[in-house]
C-alpha atoms as a PDB file:
ATOM      1  CA  UNK A   1     -24.401 -39.120 -76.943  1.00  0.00           C
ATOM      2  CA  UNK A   2     -22.067 -38.057 -74.157  1.00  0.00           C
ATOM      3  CA  UNK A   3     -20.586 -41.058 -72.370  1.00  0.00           C
ATOM      4  CA  UNK A   4     -18.645 -39.553 -69.502  1.00  0.00           C
ATOM      5  CA  UNK A   5     -18.270 -39.956 -65.793  1.00  0.00           C
ATOM      6  CA  UNK A   6     -18.120 -37.123 -63.297  1.00  0.00           C
ATOM      7  CA  UNK A   7     -14.769 -36.610 -61.629  1.00  0.00           C
ATOM      8  CA  UNK A   8     -13.888 -34.305 -58.752  1.00  0.00           C
ATOM      9  CA  UNK A   9     -13.534 -31.026 -60.614  1.00  0.00           C
ATOM     10  CA  UNK A  10     -14.343 -32.316 -64.091  1.00  0.00           C
ATOM     11  CA  UNK A  11     -15.390 -35.198 -66.324  1.00  0.00           C
ATOM     12  CA  UNK A  12     -13.739 -38.250 -67.880  1.00  0.00           C
ATOM     13  CA  UNK A  13     -14.984 -39.671 -71.164  1.00  0.00           C
ATOM     14  CA  UNK A  14     -15.379 -43.448 -71.282  1.00  0.00           C
ATOM     15  CA  UNK A  15     -12.936 -43.711 -74.192  1.00  0.00           C
ATOM     16  CA  UNK A  16     -10.236 -43.312 -71.534  1.00  0.00           C
ATOM     17  CA  UNK A  17     -11.473 -46.521 -69.919  1.00  0.00           C
ATOM     18  CA  UNK A  18     -11.540 -48.334 -73.239  1.00  0.00           C
ATOM     19  CA  UNK A  19      -7.991 -47.234 -74.044  1.00  0.00           C
ATOM     20  CA  UNK A  20      -6.874 -48.324 -70.588  1.00  0.00           C
ATOM     21  CA  UNK A  21      -8.320 -51.787 -71.250  1.00  0.00           C
ATOM     22  CA  UNK A  22      -6.511 -51.945 -74.613  1.00  0.00           C
ATOM     23  CA  UNK A  23      -3.230 -50.921 -72.969  1.00  0.00           C
ATOM     24  CA  UNK A  24      -3.599 -53.535 -70.228  1.00  0.00           C
ATOM     25  CA  UNK A  25      -4.450 -56.232 -72.785  1.00  0.00           C
ATOM     26  CA  UNK A  26      -1.419 -55.419 -74.949  1.00  0.00           C
ATOM     27  CA  UNK A  27       0.889 -55.309 -71.921  1.00  0.00           C
ATOM     28  CA  UNK A  28      -0.518 -58.648 -70.780  1.00  0.00           C
ATOM     29  CA  UNK A  29      -0.023 -60.250 -74.218  1.00  0.00           C
ATOM     30  CA  UNK A  30       3.551 -59.111 -74.930  1.00  0.00           C
ATOM     31  CA  UNK A  31       6.338 -61.432 -73.867  1.00  0.00           C
ATOM     32  CA  UNK A  32       8.986 -60.358 -71.420  1.00  0.00           C
ATOM     33  CA  UNK A  33       9.177 -57.822 -68.656  1.00  0.00           C
ATOM     34  CA  UNK A  34      11.843 -55.881 -70.549  1.00  0.00           C
ATOM     35  CA  UNK A  35       9.527 -55.367 -73.527  1.00  0.00           C
ATOM     36  CA  UNK A  36       6.702 -54.285 -71.203  1.00  0.00           C
ATOM     37  CA  UNK A  37       9.019 -51.759 -69.572  1.00  0.00           C
ATOM     38  CA  UNK A  38      10.100 -50.593 -73.034  1.00  0.00           C
ATOM     39  CA  UNK A  39       6.484 -49.935 -74.034  1.00  0.00           C
ATOM     40  CA  UNK A  40       5.807 -48.091 -70.780  1.00  0.00           C
ATOM     41  CA  UNK A  41       8.934 -45.960 -71.149  1.00  0.00           C
ATOM     42  CA  UNK A  42       8.141 -45.158 -74.797  1.00  0.00           C
ATOM     43  CA  UNK A  43       4.648 -44.153 -73.672  1.00  0.00           C
ATOM     44  CA  UNK A  44       6.092 -41.928 -70.938  1.00  0.00           C
ATOM     45  CA  UNK A  45       8.456 -40.321 -73.455  1.00  0.00           C
ATOM     46  CA  UNK A  46       5.626 -39.717 -75.928  1.00  0.00           C
ATOM     47  CA  UNK A  47       3.504 -38.301 -73.110  1.00  0.00           C
ATOM     48  CA  UNK A  48       6.217 -35.896 -72.022  1.00  0.00           C
ATOM     49  CA  UNK A  49       6.898 -34.689 -75.543  1.00  0.00           C
ATOM     50  CA  UNK A  50       3.194 -34.399 -76.309  1.00  0.00           C
ATOM     51  CA  UNK A  51       2.571 -32.349 -73.168  1.00  0.00           C
ATOM     52  CA  UNK A  52       5.566 -30.149 -73.939  1.00  0.00           C
ATOM     53  CA  UNK A  53       4.259 -29.562 -77.452  1.00  0.00           C
ATOM     54  CA  UNK A  54       0.713 -28.871 -76.210  1.00  0.00           C
ATOM     55  CA  UNK A  55       2.070 -26.130 -73.986  1.00  0.00           C
ATOM     56  CA  UNK A  56       4.766 -24.619 -76.202  1.00  0.00           C
ATOM     57  CA  UNK A  57       4.166 -25.236 -79.907  1.00  0.00           C
ATOM     58  CA  UNK A  58       2.326 -21.939 -80.282  1.00  0.00           C
ATOM     59  CA  UNK A  59       5.446 -20.124 -79.007  1.00  0.00           C
ATOM     60  CA  UNK A  60       7.578 -21.286 -81.952  1.00  0.00           C
ATOM     61  CA  UNK A  61       5.379 -20.870 -85.048  1.00  0.00           C
ATOM     62  CA  UNK A  62       8.161 -21.993 -87.422  1.00  0.00           C
ATOM     63  CA  UNK A  63       7.772 -25.551 -86.111  1.00  0.00           C
ATOM     64  CA  UNK A  64       4.130 -25.721 -87.188  1.00  0.00           C
ATOM     65  CA  UNK A  65       3.517 -27.647 -90.425  1.00  0.00           C
ATOM     66  CA  UNK A  66      -0.005 -26.795 -91.552  1.00  0.00           C
ATOM     67  CA  UNK A  67      -1.533 -26.865 -88.080  1.00  0.00           C
ATOM     68  CA  UNK A  68      -0.293 -27.519 -84.583  1.00  0.00           C
ATOM     69  CA  UNK A  69      -2.208 -30.823 -84.437  1.00  0.00           C
ATOM     70  CA  UNK A  70      -0.541 -32.105 -87.604  1.00  0.00           C
ATOM     71  CA  UNK A  71       2.878 -31.014 -86.352  1.00  0.00           C
ATOM     72  CA  UNK A  72       2.366 -32.772 -83.027  1.00  0.00           C
ATOM     73  CA  UNK A  73       1.003 -35.912 -84.657  1.00  0.00           C
ATOM     74  CA  UNK A  74       3.888 -36.046 -87.127  1.00  0.00           C
ATOM     75  CA  UNK A  75       6.510 -35.644 -84.407  1.00  0.00           C
ATOM     76  CA  UNK A  76       4.927 -38.253 -82.147  1.00  0.00           C
ATOM     77  CA  UNK A  77       4.343 -40.616 -85.079  1.00  0.00           C
ATOM     78  CA  UNK A  78       7.970 -40.550 -86.175  1.00  0.00           C
ATOM     79  CA  UNK A  79       9.031 -41.229 -82.598  1.00  0.00           C
ATOM     80  CA  UNK A  80       6.577 -44.101 -82.128  1.00  0.00           C
ATOM     81  CA  UNK A  81       7.444 -45.631 -85.513  1.00  0.00           C
ATOM     82  CA  UNK A  82      11.143 -45.606 -84.750  1.00  0.00           C
ATOM     83  CA  UNK A  83      10.848 -46.968 -81.198  1.00  0.00           C
ATOM     84  CA  UNK A  84       8.170 -49.646 -81.649  1.00  0.00           C
ATOM     85  CA  UNK A  85       7.590 -51.972 -84.554  1.00  0.00           C
ATOM     86  CA  UNK A  86       4.406 -53.977 -83.964  1.00  0.00           C
ATOM     87  CA  UNK A  87       0.993 -52.334 -84.464  1.00  0.00           C
ATOM     88  CA  UNK A  88      -0.364 -53.382 -81.048  1.00  0.00           C
ATOM     89  CA  UNK A  89       2.742 -52.051 -79.322  1.00  0.00           C
ATOM     90  CA  UNK A  90       2.405 -48.772 -81.208  1.00  0.00           C
ATOM     91  CA  UNK A  91      -1.246 -48.457 -80.193  1.00  0.00           C
ATOM     92  CA  UNK A  92      -0.389 -49.140 -76.549  1.00  0.00           C
ATOM     93  CA  UNK A  93       2.572 -46.769 -76.361  1.00  0.00           C
ATOM     94  CA  UNK A  94       0.725 -43.985 -78.211  1.00  0.00           C
ATOM     95  CA  UNK A  95      -2.306 -44.425 -75.975  1.00  0.00           C
ATOM     96  CA  UNK A  96      -0.160 -44.302 -72.837  1.00  0.00           C
ATOM     97  CA  UNK A  97       1.608 -41.198 -74.062  1.00  0.00           C
ATOM     98  CA  UNK A  98      -1.430 -39.287 -75.231  1.00  0.00           C
ATOM     99  CA  UNK A  99      -3.389 -40.184 -72.102  1.00  0.00           C
ATOM    100  CA  UNK A 100      -0.523 -38.996 -69.896  1.00  0.00           C
ATOM    101  CA  UNK A 101      -0.284 -35.730 -71.829  1.00  0.00           C
ATOM    102  CA  UNK A 102      -4.041 -35.235 -71.537  1.00  0.00           C
ATOM    103  CA  UNK A 103      -3.902 -35.826 -67.779  1.00  0.00           C
ATOM    104  CA  UNK A 104      -0.907 -33.473 -67.338  1.00  0.00           C
ATOM    105  CA  UNK A 105      -2.664 -30.807 -69.402  1.00  0.00           C
ATOM    106  CA  UNK A 106      -5.957 -31.262 -67.567  1.00  0.00           C
ATOM    107  CA  UNK A 107      -4.274 -31.083 -64.184  1.00  0.00           C
ATOM    108  CA  UNK A 108      -2.280 -27.989 -65.092  1.00  0.00           C
ATOM    109  CA  UNK A 109      -5.368 -26.141 -66.382  1.00  0.00           C
ATOM    110  CA  UNK A 110      -7.893 -27.501 -63.880  1.00  0.00           C
ATOM    111  CA  UNK A 111      -8.574 -24.054 -62.408  1.00  0.00           C
ATOM    112  CA  UNK A 112      -9.570 -22.637 -65.807  1.00  0.00           C
ATOM    113  CA  UNK A 113     -11.360 -25.447 -67.586  1.00  0.00           C
ATOM    114  CA  UNK A 114     -11.872 -28.115 -64.976  1.00  0.00           C
ATOM    115  CA  UNK A 115     -10.485 -31.553 -65.707  1.00  0.00           C
ATOM    116  CA  UNK A 116     -11.884 -32.696 -69.073  1.00  0.00           C
ATOM    117  CA  UNK A 117     -10.264 -35.980 -70.127  1.00  0.00           C
ATOM    118  CA  UNK A 118     -10.836 -37.912 -73.330  1.00  0.00           C
ATOM    119  CA  UNK A 119     -13.237 -35.696 -75.213  1.00  0.00           C
ATOM    120  CA  UNK A 120     -13.297 -34.737 -78.910  1.00  0.00           C
ATOM    121  CA  UNK A 121      -9.928 -32.973 -79.120  1.00  0.00           C
ATOM    122  CA  UNK A 122      -8.181 -35.913 -77.478  1.00  0.00           C
ATOM    123  CA  UNK A 123      -9.964 -38.427 -79.681  1.00  0.00           C
ATOM    124  CA  UNK A 124      -9.114 -36.485 -82.855  1.00  0.00           C
ATOM    125  CA  UNK A 125      -5.478 -36.223 -81.755  1.00  0.00           C
ATOM    126  CA  UNK A 126      -5.359 -39.955 -80.952  1.00  0.00           C
ATOM    127  CA  UNK A 127      -6.802 -41.034 -84.311  1.00  0.00           C
ATOM    128  CA  UNK A 128      -4.620 -38.627 -86.302  1.00  0.00           C
ATOM    129  CA  UNK A 129      -1.456 -39.718 -84.478  1.00  0.00           C
ATOM    130  CA  UNK A 130      -2.320 -43.403 -84.823  1.00  0.00           C
ATOM    131  CA  UNK A 131      -3.036 -43.032 -88.548  1.00  0.00           C
ATOM    132  CA  UNK A 132       0.212 -41.163 -89.159  1.00  0.00           C
ATOM    133  CA  UNK A 133       2.179 -43.693 -87.086  1.00  0.00           C
ATOM    134  CA  UNK A 134       0.881 -46.617 -89.098  1.00  0.00           C
ATOM    135  CA  UNK A 135       1.525 -44.818 -92.415  1.00  0.00           C
ATOM    136  CA  UNK A 136       5.088 -43.942 -91.395  1.00  0.00           C
ATOM    137  CA  UNK A 137       5.655 -47.532 -90.218  1.00  0.00           C
ATOM    138  CA  UNK A 138       4.402 -48.915 -93.528  1.00  0.00           C
ATOM    139  CA  UNK A 139       6.577 -46.477 -95.483  1.00  0.00           C
ATOM    140  CA  UNK A 140       9.606 -47.471 -93.388  1.00  0.00           C
ATOM    141  CA  UNK A 141       8.888 -51.158 -93.973  1.00  0.00           C
ATOM    142  CA  UNK A 142       8.498 -50.664 -97.724  1.00  0.00           C
ATOM    143  CA  UNK A 143      11.690 -48.619 -97.976  1.00  0.00           C
ATOM    144  CA  UNK A 144      13.656 -51.229 -96.005  1.00  0.00           C
ATOM    145  CA  UNK A 145      12.330 -53.976 -98.274  1.00  0.00           C
ATOM    146  CA  UNK A 146      13.201 -51.950-101.374  1.00  0.00           C
ATOM    147  CA  UNK A 147      16.734 -51.366-100.071  1.00  0.00           C
ATOM    148  CA  UNK A 148      17.173 -55.080 -99.324  1.00  0.00           C
ATOM    149  CA  UNK A 149      15.967 -56.033-102.805  1.00  0.00           C
ATOM    150  CA  UNK A 150      18.265 -53.516-104.459  1.00  0.00           C
ATOM    151  CA  UNK A 151      21.267 -54.743-102.440  1.00  0.00           C
ATOM    152  CA  UNK A 152      20.452 -58.339-103.425  1.00  0.00           C
ATOM    153  CA  UNK A 153      20.066 -57.294-107.065  1.00  0.00           C
ATOM    154  CA  UNK A 154      23.424 -55.485-107.038  1.00  0.00           C
ATOM    155  CA  UNK A 155      25.229 -58.325-105.248  1.00  0.00           C
ATOM    156  CA  UNK A 156      23.763 -60.896-107.662  1.00  0.00           C
ATOM    157  CA  UNK A 157      24.945 -58.767-110.586  1.00  0.00           C
ATOM    158  CA  UNK A 158      28.440 -58.544-109.116  1.00  0.00           C
ATOM    159  CA  UNK A 159      28.547 -62.316-108.513  1.00  0.00           C
ATOM    160  CA  UNK A 160      27.423 -63.052-112.071  1.00  0.00           C
ATOM    161  CA  UNK A 161      29.952 -60.615-113.493  1.00  0.00           C
ATOM    162  CA  UNK A 162      32.904 -62.075-111.621  1.00  0.00           C
ATOM    163  CA  UNK A 163      31.858 -65.719-111.890  1.00  0.00           C
ATOM    164  CA  UNK A 164      31.854 -65.652-115.681  1.00  0.00           C
ATOM    165  CA  UNK A 165      28.083 -66.092-116.043  1.00  0.00           C
ATOM    166  CA  UNK A 166      27.547 -62.819-117.858  1.00  0.00           C
ATOM    167  CA  UNK A 167      24.792 -62.866-120.413  1.00  0.00           C
END
């Protein structure tokens, strides 16, 4: 089933509309104009890097880990995980970035392919990047918690040793 709308010179899949609604909902729900601007700027940064990688990753084959899609998703996931913490904010900023990159790419290649926004390649890239972002975020959270617990364990041991409570 192909759910797309005709556009002057191409087609837009309806997943673009759904992602736009998700982005607007997340931006509406977050508190503070500064945080909204942060999410928009992170999305713009992700979009710029994603577009750059779409156009140039095949020129530097040593940067490719497995496949170009995995390399792009890993790079964008690390960036999104480091710059945003909450899952909804990560979804919004990744969606903004990947949609911008798709629009830049479609506009640049409109004479060859026509504008094709939001189809299978985009959806696969979005899901892969989102999955990797959440996994990296969870790994970061677990490693921070493990470091905190080990620091507490060491400091408790030092306190017991110097307070005379050794066992």
